């Protein structure tokens, strides 16, 4: 799956043609992972036209991530929002994935990042189902990875840093090598953490469970949205540590994330989850989520930011 190129990328204050958006090979982030980023989606909604899902929350997390790594972003939340909207308009997109990146640029090649300028880029492009065509309806087969998520106080899990995704790559590559679509990582204590790039929810007897922040998970914005939707639908959600075997005996398990949206999991380690199909609670949550992001229902949470006003 390659990137479907757009016309322009915003890089360090300028809209530049896609193929001309370049950095030096000695850029600090290339060597030491000194960057933070976001993944955001814009949907073509029935009520507001093209609208970005939870734009302000994503940009706030981007700035928070940078702060943890002592990177000062030179733009306000409002300025970044306007840049993203203008970039979508310049690329004439109706639906797209949005990737802002704050990174340490070219200056010095030592481990100390403080002598390198803090730079920023934003790209947008068309992107479909992250885990493959049909995944949202049919579910995916996953495995418990042999790679653990980082321990607390090693890497900051609350920061969406590129360095954390070296771990995510190992999880993803291992799962693909063994014939699965995705992997689920455990914590160093052997409890459920998250997928390579998605949070995990499990359903048992009508109650929905998900790991808490202190299990080295990214505080996903889609995760937060799904928790709000679950409560709106009158169902119970509990944030609690989970052993891996709880997933095997769950009635339903599903991933949530900007890329994966709400994706059912039909098997884990070749153990069938429920009846091996998308469960009724997952489907109900899916339908509510997509009804909101596609503008088919009232945006009562204020999650959609129109682009073509």
Protein backbone atom coordinates (compact mmCIF):
# COMPACT_ATOMS: atom_id res chain seq x y z
CA UNK A 1 0.00 0.00 0.00
CA UNK A 2 1.72 3.15 -1.20
CA UNK A 3 0.87 6.76 -0.48
CA UNK A 4 -1.45 8.40 -2.96
CA UNK A 5 0.46 11.61 -3.61
CA UNK A 6 -1.23 14.99 -3.27
CA UNK A 7 -0.14 18.28 -4.83
CA UNK A 8 1.33 20.13 -1.85
CA UNK A 9 2.96 19.60 1.53
CA UNK A 10 3.35 22.35 4.10
CA UNK A 11 6.99 22.49 5.27
CA UNK A 12 8.48 25.05 7.65
CA UNK A 13 6.09 27.84 6.73
CA UNK A 14 5.63 27.19 3.00
CA UNK A 15 3.33 25.18 0.75
CA UNK A 16 5.72 23.26 -1.48
CA UNK A 17 5.09 20.72 -4.29
CA UNK A 18 4.89 17.17 -2.93
CA UNK A 19 8.12 15.93 -4.51
CA UNK A 20 10.06 19.01 -3.39
CA UNK A 21 9.37 18.57 0.34
CA UNK A 22 12.84 17.44 1.43
CA UNK A 23 15.20 17.54 4.42
CA UNK A 24 18.94 17.02 4.82
CA UNK A 25 20.15 13.43 5.32
CA UNK A 26 21.78 14.55 8.60
CA UNK A 27 18.47 15.75 10.00
CA UNK A 28 18.55 14.85 13.69
CA UNK A 29 15.17 13.09 13.62
CA UNK A 30 16.42 10.61 11.01
CA UNK A 31 19.20 9.46 13.31
CA UNK A 32 17.67 9.61 16.79
CA UNK A 33 13.89 9.55 16.39
CA UNK A 34 13.60 13.10 17.72
CA UNK A 35 10.15 13.86 16.37
CA UNK A 36 6.50 13.80 17.40
CA UNK A 37 3.49 13.50 15.14
CA UNK A 38 -0.26 13.13 14.78
CA UNK A 39 -2.62 11.09 12.64
CA UNK A 40 -5.90 12.85 11.84
CA UNK A 41 -8.75 12.17 9.42
CA UNK A 42 -10.99 14.49 7.45
CA UNK A 43 -14.34 13.07 6.32
CA UNK A 44 -16.73 14.18 3.59
CA UNK A 45 -19.77 14.73 5.79
CA UNK A 46 -23.41 15.17 4.82
CA UNK A 47 -23.96 18.07 7.20
CA UNK A 48 -20.73 20.10 7.02
CA UNK A 49 -18.99 19.04 3.82
CA UNK A 50 -15.33 18.16 4.35
CA UNK A 51 -14.69 18.24 8.10
CA UNK A 52 -11.69 17.28 10.24
CA UNK A 53 -12.40 14.92 13.12
CA UNK A 54 -11.36 16.33 16.52
CA UNK A 55 -8.82 18.66 14.98
CA UNK A 56 -8.17 20.80 18.05
CA UNK A 57 -7.70 17.77 20.31
CA UNK A 58 -5.15 16.28 17.92
CA UNK A 59 -3.19 19.52 17.65
CA UNK A 60 -3.22 19.97 21.40
CA UNK A 61 -1.78 16.46 21.79
CA UNK A 62 0.88 17.27 19.18
CA UNK A 63 1.99 20.30 21.20
CA UNK A 64 1.85 18.28 24.43
CA UNK A 65 4.00 15.56 22.84
CA UNK A 66 6.54 18.15 21.74
CA UNK A 67 6.61 19.72 25.22
CA UNK A 68 7.49 16.38 26.82
CA UNK A 69 10.51 16.21 24.50
CA UNK A 70 11.46 19.85 25.15
CA UNK A 71 10.57 20.96 21.63
CA UNK A 72 8.96 24.38 21.39
CA UNK A 73 6.40 24.61 18.60
CA UNK A 74 6.46 28.09 17.04
CA UNK A 75 2.81 27.99 16.00
CA UNK A 76 -0.38 28.24 18.05
CA UNK A 77 -3.13 25.64 17.97
CA UNK A 78 -5.28 28.05 15.97
CA UNK A 79 -2.51 28.72 13.43
CA UNK A 80 -1.91 24.99 12.89
CA UNK A 81 -5.63 24.42 12.44
CA UNK A 82 -5.77 27.07 9.72
CA UNK A 83 -2.68 25.65 7.98
CA UNK A 84 -4.27 22.19 7.89
CA UNK A 85 -7.54 23.48 6.49
CA UNK A 86 -5.75 25.55 3.85
CA UNK A 87 -3.57 22.57 2.90
CA UNK A 88 -6.65 20.40 2.36
CA UNK A 89 -8.19 23.14 0.22
CA UNK A 90 -5.03 23.59 -1.86
CA UNK A 91 -4.97 19.84 -2.49
CA UNK A 92 -8.68 19.89 -3.37
CA UNK A 93 -9.45 16.90 -1.17
CA UNK A 94 -12.84 15.87 0.17
CA UNK A 95 -11.60 13.10 2.47
CA UNK A 96 -8.03 12.58 3.60
CA UNK A 97 -5.54 11.49 6.21
CA UNK A 98 -3.55 14.30 7.83
CA UNK A 99 0.00 13.89 9.14
CA UNK A 100 1.59 16.78 11.10
CA UNK A 101 5.19 16.17 12.21
CA UNK A 102 7.33 18.26 14.54
CA UNK A 103 10.98 17.27 14.29
CA UNK A 104 14.55 18.21 15.17
CA UNK A 105 16.17 19.35 11.95
CA UNK A 106 19.72 19.71 10.62
CA UNK A 107 22.33 21.29 12.88
CA UNK A 108 24.30 18.79 14.93
CA UNK A 109 24.63 15.00 14.91
CA UNK A 110 25.22 14.36 18.60
CA UNK A 111 22.66 12.67 20.81
CA UNK A 112 21.97 16.05 22.40
CA UNK A 113 19.10 17.43 20.31
CA UNK A 114 19.12 20.97 21.67
CA UNK A 115 21.48 22.36 19.02
CA UNK A 116 19.07 21.45 16.22
CA UNK A 117 16.21 23.64 15.02
CA UNK A 118 12.65 22.53 15.69
CA UNK A 119 10.89 22.23 12.34
CA UNK A 120 7.40 21.22 11.27
CA UNK A 121 5.68 19.69 8.27
CA UNK A 122 2.10 18.72 7.44
CA UNK A 123 1.01 16.35 4.67
CA UNK A 124 -2.46 15.24 3.54
CA UNK A 125 -3.47 12.42 1.22
CA UNK A 126 -6.33 10.07 0.40
CA UNK A 127 -6.33 6.91 2.51
CA UNK A 128 -8.83 4.05 2.81
CA UNK A 129 -9.20 1.22 5.31
CA UNK A 130 -5.92 0.90 7.24
CA UNK A 131 -6.17 -2.81 7.99
CA UNK A 132 -7.33 -3.83 4.53
CA UNK A 133 -10.47 -3.82 2.44
CA UNK A 134 -13.41 -5.37 4.25
CA UNK A 135 -11.75 -5.25 7.68
CA UNK A 136 -14.44 -2.98 9.14
CA UNK A 137 -17.15 -5.55 8.36
CA UNK A 138 -15.34 -8.87 8.52
CA UNK A 139 -12.77 -8.26 11.23
CA UNK A 140 -9.09 -9.15 11.33
CA UNK A 141 -6.90 -11.96 12.63
CA UNK A 142 -4.24 -10.87 15.12
CA UNK A 143 -1.62 -12.32 17.45
CA UNK A 144 -0.17 -11.48 20.82
CA UNK A 145 3.25 -10.09 20.02
CA UNK A 146 6.46 -11.35 21.59
CA UNK A 147 7.49 -7.69 21.81
CA UNK A 148 6.35 -5.84 24.94
CA UNK A 149 5.42 -2.18 25.12
CA UNK A 150 7.95 0.02 26.88
CA UNK A 151 7.97 0.12 30.66
CA UNK A 152 6.84 3.28 32.45
CA UNK A 153 9.61 5.83 32.89
CA UNK A 154 11.61 4.49 29.94
CA UNK A 155 9.81 6.17 27.03
CA UNK A 156 6.89 8.53 27.67
CA UNK A 157 3.84 6.68 26.34
CA UNK A 158 1.72 9.83 26.58
CA UNK A 159 3.83 11.43 23.84
CA UNK A 160 3.11 10.35 20.27
CA UNK A 161 6.80 10.26 19.46
CA UNK A 162 8.31 8.64 16.38
CA UNK A 163 10.79 6.82 18.64
CA UNK A 164 7.93 4.84 20.20
CA UNK A 165 7.03 3.51 16.78
CA UNK A 166 10.27 1.57 16.46
CA UNK A 167 8.56 -0.74 18.96
CA UNK A 168 5.34 -0.57 16.95
CA UNK A 169 7.20 -1.56 13.76
CA UNK A 170 8.57 -4.69 15.45
CA UNK A 171 5.06 -5.65 16.56
CA UNK A 172 3.63 -5.06 13.09
CA UNK A 173 6.39 -6.84 11.16
CA UNK A 174 6.26 -9.88 13.43
CA UNK A 175 2.50 -10.21 13.01
CA UNK A 176 2.76 -9.98 9.22
CA UNK A 177 5.63 -12.48 9.15
CA UNK A 178 3.44 -15.00 10.99
CA UNK A 179 0.47 -14.46 8.69
CA UNK A 180 -1.60 -12.12 10.83
CA UNK A 181 -2.84 -8.61 10.06
CA UNK A 182 -1.86 -7.01 13.35
CA UNK A 183 -0.30 -7.67 16.74
CA UNK A 184 -1.32 -6.83 20.29
CA UNK A 185 1.49 -5.91 22.66
CA UNK A 186 1.58 -6.69 26.35
CA UNK A 187 3.15 -4.58 29.06
CA UNK A 188 6.36 -5.63 30.79
CA UNK A 189 4.06 -7.14 33.45
CA UNK A 190 2.31 -9.30 30.86
CA UNK A 191 -0.95 -7.33 30.75
CA UNK A 192 -2.76 -6.12 27.63
CA UNK A 193 -1.46 -2.79 26.31
CA UNK A 194 -2.45 -1.96 22.71
CA UNK A 195 -1.95 -2.82 19.06
CA UNK A 196 0.98 -1.49 17.05
CA UNK A 197 -1.03 1.64 16.27
CA UNK A 198 -4.46 1.21 17.85
CA UNK A 199 -6.11 0.90 21.24
CA UNK A 200 -7.94 -2.28 22.27
CA UNK A 201 -11.44 -2.83 23.68
CA UNK A 202 -12.98 -6.13 24.81
CA UNK A 203 -16.63 -7.02 25.49
CA UNK A 204 -17.75 -9.61 28.04
CA UNK A 205 -21.39 -10.12 29.08
CA UNK A 206 -22.37 -6.71 27.73
CA UNK A 207 -19.66 -4.79 29.63
CA UNK A 208 -16.84 -3.15 27.67
CA UNK A 209 -13.26 -3.12 28.99
CA UNK A 210 -10.12 -1.27 27.89
CA UNK A 211 -6.62 -0.86 29.39
CA UNK A 212 -5.95 2.34 31.39
CA UNK A 213 -3.33 4.97 30.60
CA UNK A 214 -0.79 3.55 33.05
CA UNK A 215 -0.44 0.38 30.96
CA UNK A 216 1.95 2.21 28.60
CA UNK A 217 -0.74 3.01 26.03
CA UNK A 218 -1.12 6.09 23.90
CA UNK A 219 -4.12 8.11 25.14
CA UNK A 220 -5.92 7.76 21.84
CA UNK A 221 -8.32 10.48 20.75
CA UNK A 222 -10.45 7.91 18.94
CA UNK A 223 -10.31 5.84 22.15
CA UNK A 224 -11.67 8.81 24.08
CA UNK A 225 -14.36 9.29 21.42
CA UNK A 226 -15.43 5.65 21.65
CA UNK A 227 -15.66 5.82 25.44
CA UNK A 228 -17.94 8.85 25.09
CA UNK A 229 -20.04 7.03 22.48
CA UNK A 230 -20.33 3.92 24.67
CA UNK A 231 -21.62 6.01 27.56
CA UNK A 232 -24.01 7.87 25.25
CA UNK A 233 -25.43 4.52 24.11
CA UNK A 234 -26.09 3.62 27.74
CA UNK A 235 -23.47 0.88 27.97
CA UNK A 236 -20.84 0.38 30.67
CA UNK A 237 -17.13 0.83 29.98
CA UNK A 238 -14.43 -0.01 32.52
CA UNK A 239 -10.77 1.01 32.25
CA UNK A 240 -8.88 -1.81 33.93
CA UNK A 241 -5.75 -3.98 33.56
CA UNK A 242 -6.45 -7.13 31.54
CA UNK A 243 -4.50 -10.40 31.27
CA UNK A 244 -4.05 -11.68 27.73
CA UNK A 245 -6.33 -14.65 28.29
CA UNK A 246 -9.24 -12.32 28.98
CA UNK A 247 -9.13 -11.42 25.28
CA UNK A 248 -9.46 -15.11 24.32
CA UNK A 249 -12.70 -15.52 26.28
CA UNK A 250 -14.19 -12.14 25.41
CA UNK A 251 -17.42 -12.07 23.44
CA UNK A 252 -16.03 -9.33 21.19
CA UNK A 253 -12.71 -7.53 20.76
CA UNK A 254 -12.02 -4.51 18.57
CA UNK A 255 -9.34 -1.97 17.70
CA UNK A 256 -9.91 1.78 17.64
CA UNK A 257 -7.68 4.50 16.23
CA UNK A 258 -7.53 7.27 13.65
CA UNK A 259 -6.26 4.87 10.99
CA UNK A 260 -8.14 1.71 12.04
CA UNK A 261 -11.30 3.64 13.09
CA UNK A 262 -13.39 0.83 14.71
CA UNK A 263 -12.14 -2.55 13.46
CA UNK A 264 -13.45 -5.89 14.81
CA UNK A 265 -10.98 -8.61 15.79
CA UNK A 266 -12.22 -12.06 14.79
CA UNK A 267 -9.37 -14.17 16.17
CA UNK A 268 -6.35 -13.83 18.46
CA UNK A 269 -3.53 -16.40 18.29
CA UNK A 270 -5.89 -18.45 16.10
CA UNK A 271 -8.46 -18.57 18.91
CA UNK A 272 -11.83 -17.49 17.58
CA UNK A 273 -13.36 -14.50 19.34
CA UNK A 274 -17.09 -15.00 19.96
CA UNK A 275 -18.55 -16.56 16.83
CA UNK A 276 -15.71 -15.25 14.67
CA UNK A 277 -17.72 -12.38 13.22
CA UNK A 278 -18.27 -8.73 14.04
CA UNK A 279 -20.26 -8.69 17.27
CA UNK A 280 -23.47 -6.73 17.86
CA UNK A 281 -21.93 -4.28 20.33
CA UNK A 282 -18.96 -3.58 18.05
CA UNK A 283 -21.35 -3.03 15.16
CA UNK A 284 -23.52 -0.69 17.24
CA UNK A 285 -20.50 1.39 18.26
CA UNK A 286 -19.22 1.37 14.67
CA UNK A 287 -22.52 2.63 13.30
CA UNK A 288 -22.74 5.43 15.85
CA UNK A 289 -19.13 6.48 15.26
CA UNK A 290 -19.49 6.57 11.46
CA UNK A 291 -22.85 8.31 11.66
CA UNK A 292 -21.18 11.12 13.61
CA UNK A 293 -18.02 11.44 11.51
CA UNK A 294 -19.97 11.28 8.25
CA UNK A 295 -22.39 13.95 9.43
CA UNK A 296 -25.42 11.67 9.37
CA UNK A 297 -26.16 12.48 13.01
CA UNK A 298 -25.93 15.70 14.94
CA UNK A 299 -22.38 16.58 15.99
CA UNK A 300 -23.38 16.92 19.62
CA UNK A 301 -19.81 16.60 20.87
CA UNK A 302 -18.49 19.34 18.58
CA UNK A 303 -15.97 16.99 16.99
CA UNK A 304 -16.15 18.17 13.34
CA UNK A 305 -14.27 21.20 12.01
CA UNK A 306 -15.48 22.27 8.53
CA UNK A 307 -12.77 22.88 5.90
CA UNK A 308 -14.68 24.51 3.03
CA UNK A 309 -16.66 27.06 5.02
